[in-house]
Protein backbone atom coordinates (compact mmCIF):
# COMPACT_ATOMS: atom_id res chain seq x y z
CA MET A 1 280.86 71.95 -76.69
CA LYS A 2 281.86 74.81 -74.30
CA ASN A 3 281.79 73.99 -70.47
CA PRO A 4 278.38 73.41 -69.46
CA ILE A 5 278.80 74.14 -66.17
CA GLN A 6 279.24 77.75 -66.63
CA SER A 7 275.76 78.16 -68.26
CA LEU A 8 273.94 76.66 -64.98
CA SER A 9 271.67 79.19 -62.92
CA LYS A 10 271.70 79.43 -59.44
CA LYS A 11 268.50 77.26 -59.11
CA GLU A 12 270.16 74.57 -61.28
CA TRP A 13 273.44 74.58 -59.22
CA ALA A 14 271.01 73.93 -56.19
CA ILE A 15 269.29 71.21 -57.96
CA TRP A 16 272.62 69.48 -59.20
CA ILE A 17 274.55 69.95 -55.91
CA GLY A 18 271.30 68.70 -53.90
CA SER A 19 270.94 65.83 -56.25
CA LEU A 20 274.43 64.79 -55.94
CA LEU A 21 274.45 65.01 -52.19
CA ILE A 22 271.38 62.91 -51.77
CA VAL A 23 272.51 59.90 -54.04
CA THR A 24 275.90 59.93 -52.37
CA ILE A 25 274.72 60.03 -48.75
CA SER A 26 271.90 57.45 -49.70
CA ASN A 27 274.66 55.15 -50.99
CA MET A 28 276.95 55.75 -48.19
CA VAL A 29 274.68 54.94 -45.50
CA SER A 30 273.48 51.81 -47.04
CA GLY A 31 275.93 49.74 -45.10
CA ASP A 32 277.19 48.05 -48.28
CA LEU A 33 278.73 50.74 -50.39
CA ASP A 34 278.68 49.84 -54.06
CA PHE A 35 281.17 52.16 -55.88
CA LEU A 36 279.80 51.40 -59.49
CA THR A 37 276.33 52.26 -58.37
CA LEU A 38 277.13 55.58 -56.88
CA LEU A 39 279.36 56.40 -59.85
CA ALA A 40 276.62 55.50 -62.16
CA ALA A 41 274.18 57.93 -60.15
CA LEU A 42 276.71 60.86 -60.33
CA VAL A 43 277.00 60.37 -63.85
CA GLY A 44 273.18 60.04 -64.57
CA VAL A 45 272.30 63.13 -62.34
CA THR A 46 274.84 65.35 -63.90
CA SER A 47 273.58 64.11 -67.34
CA LEU A 48 269.84 65.17 -66.48
CA ILE A 49 271.02 68.57 -65.34
CA PHE A 50 272.84 69.33 -68.57
CA ALA A 51 269.96 67.58 -70.66
CA ALA A 52 267.51 70.12 -68.80
CA LYS A 53 269.84 72.91 -70.47
CA GLY A 54 269.78 71.18 -73.92
CA ASN A 55 273.35 70.78 -73.77
CA ILE A 56 275.21 68.28 -75.79
CA TRP A 57 277.16 67.19 -72.93
CA ALA A 58 274.20 65.48 -71.38
CA GLN A 59 274.15 63.01 -74.29
CA VAL A 60 278.02 62.21 -73.99
CA LEU A 61 277.40 61.44 -70.23
CA MET A 62 274.09 59.35 -71.22
CA VAL A 63 276.80 57.04 -73.07
CA VAL A 64 278.74 56.69 -70.11
CA PHE A 65 275.78 56.10 -67.81
CA SER A 66 274.44 53.58 -70.03
CA ILE A 67 277.81 51.45 -69.78
CA LEU A 68 277.57 51.67 -66.24
CA TYR A 69 274.05 50.78 -65.71
CA GLY A 70 274.08 48.04 -67.99
CA ILE A 71 276.83 46.54 -65.92
CA ILE A 72 274.74 47.02 -62.74
CA SER A 73 271.93 45.36 -64.44
CA TRP A 74 273.78 42.25 -65.44
CA ARG A 75 274.94 41.79 -61.89
CA PHE A 76 271.25 41.27 -60.92
CA ARG A 77 270.30 39.46 -64.15
CA TYR A 78 267.96 42.06 -65.32
CA TRP A 79 268.71 41.09 -68.95
CA GLY A 80 266.18 43.56 -70.29
CA GLU A 81 267.74 46.50 -68.84
CA MET A 82 271.26 45.38 -69.70
CA ILE A 83 270.21 44.77 -73.41
CA THR A 84 267.98 48.15 -73.41
CA TYR A 85 270.74 50.42 -72.26
CA LEU A 86 273.89 48.88 -73.99
CA GLY A 87 272.02 47.71 -76.88
CA MET A 88 269.41 50.58 -77.59
CA THR A 89 270.15 53.80 -75.30
CA MET A 90 273.65 54.02 -75.75
CA PRO A 91 273.54 53.77 -79.42
CA MET A 92 270.63 56.16 -79.49
CA ALA A 93 272.60 58.52 -77.34
CA ILE A 94 275.52 58.62 -79.67
CA TRP A 95 273.03 59.22 -82.29
CA SER A 96 271.41 61.95 -80.43
CA THR A 97 274.59 63.55 -79.84
CA ILE A 98 275.36 63.69 -83.44
CA THR A 99 271.46 65.08 -84.10
CA TRP A 100 272.02 67.75 -81.28
CA ILE A 101 275.52 69.26 -82.71
CA LYS A 102 273.89 69.23 -86.20
CA ASN A 103 270.55 71.31 -84.88
CA PRO A 104 272.02 74.05 -82.60
CA SER A 105 269.48 76.77 -81.35
CA LYS A 106 269.27 79.82 -83.44
CA GLU A 107 268.99 82.05 -79.79
CA ASN A 108 271.80 80.23 -78.36
CA GLY A 109 274.30 78.17 -80.17
CA ASN A 110 275.29 76.26 -77.07
CA VAL A 111 271.73 74.29 -76.67
CA VAL A 112 269.95 72.22 -78.99
CA ALA A 113 267.02 73.67 -81.11
CA ILE A 114 263.50 72.08 -80.18
CA GLN A 115 261.48 70.32 -82.42
CA LYS A 116 257.76 69.92 -82.47
CA LEU A 117 256.33 66.46 -83.45
CA ASN A 118 254.28 66.26 -86.52
CA CYS A 119 251.98 63.37 -87.48
CA LYS A 120 254.79 61.19 -89.16
CA HIS A 121 256.68 61.47 -85.86
CA ILE A 122 253.71 60.05 -83.89
CA ILE A 123 252.84 57.35 -85.94
CA ALA A 124 256.31 56.15 -86.39
CA LEU A 125 256.99 56.37 -82.59
CA PHE A 126 253.86 54.38 -82.03
CA PHE A 127 254.60 51.39 -84.57
CA SER A 128 258.26 51.26 -83.35
CA CYS A 129 257.45 51.15 -79.54
CA LEU A 130 254.88 48.49 -80.54
CA ALA A 131 257.46 46.53 -82.39
CA VAL A 132 260.00 46.85 -79.67
CA THR A 133 257.74 45.82 -77.02
CA ILE A 134 256.66 42.74 -78.48
CA GLY A 135 260.14 41.81 -79.73
CA PHE A 136 261.65 42.33 -76.39
CA TYR A 137 258.88 40.72 -74.50
CA PHE A 138 259.59 37.33 -75.95
CA LEU A 139 263.22 37.76 -75.77
CA LEU A 140 263.14 38.37 -72.29
CA ARG A 141 260.65 35.44 -71.70
CA ILE A 142 263.33 33.21 -73.32
CA MET A 143 266.01 34.63 -71.13
CA ASN A 144 263.89 34.14 -68.21
CA THR A 145 264.34 37.69 -66.96
CA PRO A 146 262.92 38.44 -63.28
CA ASN A 147 259.79 40.71 -63.21
CA ILE A 148 259.26 40.18 -67.00
CA ILE A 149 256.28 42.67 -67.29
CA PHE A 150 258.06 45.84 -65.53
CA SER A 151 261.32 44.87 -67.44
CA THR A 152 259.15 45.02 -70.69
CA ILE A 153 257.36 48.19 -69.93
CA SER A 154 260.76 49.51 -68.96
CA ILE A 155 262.25 48.87 -72.30
CA THR A 156 259.25 50.49 -73.89
CA THR A 157 259.73 53.87 -71.98
CA SER A 158 263.35 53.46 -72.48
CA PHE A 159 263.02 53.27 -76.18
CA LEU A 160 260.41 56.33 -76.22
CA ALA A 161 262.33 58.35 -74.00
CA ALA A 162 265.47 58.00 -76.45
CA ALA A 163 263.56 58.40 -79.72
CA LEU A 164 261.95 61.67 -78.43
CA THR A 165 265.46 62.80 -77.38
CA MET A 166 266.81 62.12 -80.97
CA LEU A 167 263.75 64.05 -82.37
CA ARG A 168 264.60 67.02 -79.90
CA SER A 169 261.35 67.02 -78.45
CA SER A 170 260.52 68.29 -75.02
CA TYR A 171 258.44 65.35 -74.32
CA TYR A 172 261.87 63.31 -74.00
CA ALA A 173 261.97 64.17 -70.28
CA LEU A 174 258.16 62.70 -69.62
CA GLY A 175 259.52 59.48 -71.34
CA TYR A 176 262.55 59.43 -69.12
CA ALA A 177 260.30 60.28 -65.95
CA SER A 178 258.00 57.43 -67.00
CA ASN A 179 260.98 55.22 -67.26
CA ASP A 180 262.30 56.24 -63.78
CA ILE A 181 258.73 55.18 -62.15
CA VAL A 182 259.08 51.69 -63.73
CA LEU A 183 262.81 51.28 -62.54
CA ILE A 184 261.83 52.29 -59.00
CA ILE A 185 259.34 49.58 -59.04
CA LEU A 186 262.13 47.12 -60.69
CA TRP A 187 264.66 48.10 -58.11
CA ILE A 188 262.51 47.97 -54.99
CA LEU A 189 261.54 44.34 -55.97
CA ALA A 190 265.29 43.77 -56.40
CA SER A 191 266.24 45.18 -53.09
CA LYS A 192 263.78 42.76 -51.52
CA GLU A 193 266.13 40.16 -52.27
CA ASN A 194 269.30 42.22 -51.82
CA PRO A 195 269.04 45.39 -49.99
CA ILE A 196 272.61 46.36 -51.67
CA TYR A 197 270.13 47.90 -54.33
CA ILE A 198 268.14 50.19 -52.19
CA PRO A 199 270.62 53.18 -53.20
CA VAL A 200 269.50 52.56 -56.71
CA VAL A 201 265.65 53.15 -55.60
CA VAL A 202 266.70 56.48 -54.31
CA ASN A 203 268.88 57.19 -57.25
CA PHE A 204 265.96 56.80 -59.74
CA THR A 205 263.98 58.79 -57.43
CA ILE A 206 266.14 61.67 -57.81
CA PHE A 207 266.36 60.97 -61.75
CA PHE A 208 262.60 61.31 -61.70
CA PHE A 209 262.47 64.69 -60.04
CA ASN A 210 265.41 65.88 -62.47
CA ASP A 211 263.56 64.82 -65.49
CA MET A 212 260.42 66.50 -64.60
CA TYR A 213 262.65 69.55 -64.09
CA GLY A 214 264.11 68.94 -67.54
CA PHE A 215 260.55 68.88 -69.09
CA PHE A 216 259.45 72.17 -67.49
CA SER A 217 262.61 73.76 -68.39
CA TRP A 218 262.40 72.60 -72.14
CA ARG A 219 258.74 73.57 -72.25
CA LYS A 220 259.57 77.06 -71.02
CA ARG A 221 262.17 77.48 -73.59
CA GLU A 222 259.86 76.01 -76.53
CA LYS A 223 256.99 78.76 -75.33
CA ASN A 224 259.59 81.67 -75.48
CA VAL A 225 260.77 80.37 -78.84
CA PHE A 226 257.21 80.18 -80.16
CA LYS A 227 256.48 83.78 -78.87
CA LYS A 228 259.50 85.09 -80.71
CA VAL A 229 258.39 83.62 -83.93
CA GLN A 230 254.69 84.90 -83.51
CA PHE A 231 256.11 88.38 -82.78
CA ASN A 232 258.53 88.39 -85.64
CA SER A 233 255.83 86.98 -87.97
């Protein structure tokens, strides 16, 4: 649990600071600054840059982000988002925190070891995602949730991303990137009714690029580990 900031490279510092500046400026020039939205964005961006490193603090910050985002979703009646982040993403982030602590990398004990998915993982992910999608769709319909199709897809992608994070798979970042795309659409629809949510669209756009960086970062580390294993064998 060392200070994660000390391990950032110059490129990662640039990505982190640049992302913080963009979300801060976009929130401040919106004309109706919402401090909760800004705080959630800053926490989220920081969590993603630490996640790209495989650092445990990423999951701790994800718990904080889930609480903040759940409140934001509640205010617009995006019940699916609220339930997803408070009832699913947050508990799974806590679980991931424990999993990551128990599985440090042999090459660098400050980051989590990457795990390759096997057939059992894939089958379990498929059926669990199917069950979550069907179950939440009917729940959201009962709650008269706005934009129910996109809300349901968001739940599916959120669950998949959180599950892949617990499994320590490099594909976790693609799951979150897919969720970012859905959330961009959801909050564009929300901003048509209330422009205060335009900064949220910008926030998730930045999240998307950070998640893609996380994917390539994990894949690079995964390939390096695989090469070392082949060399040693």
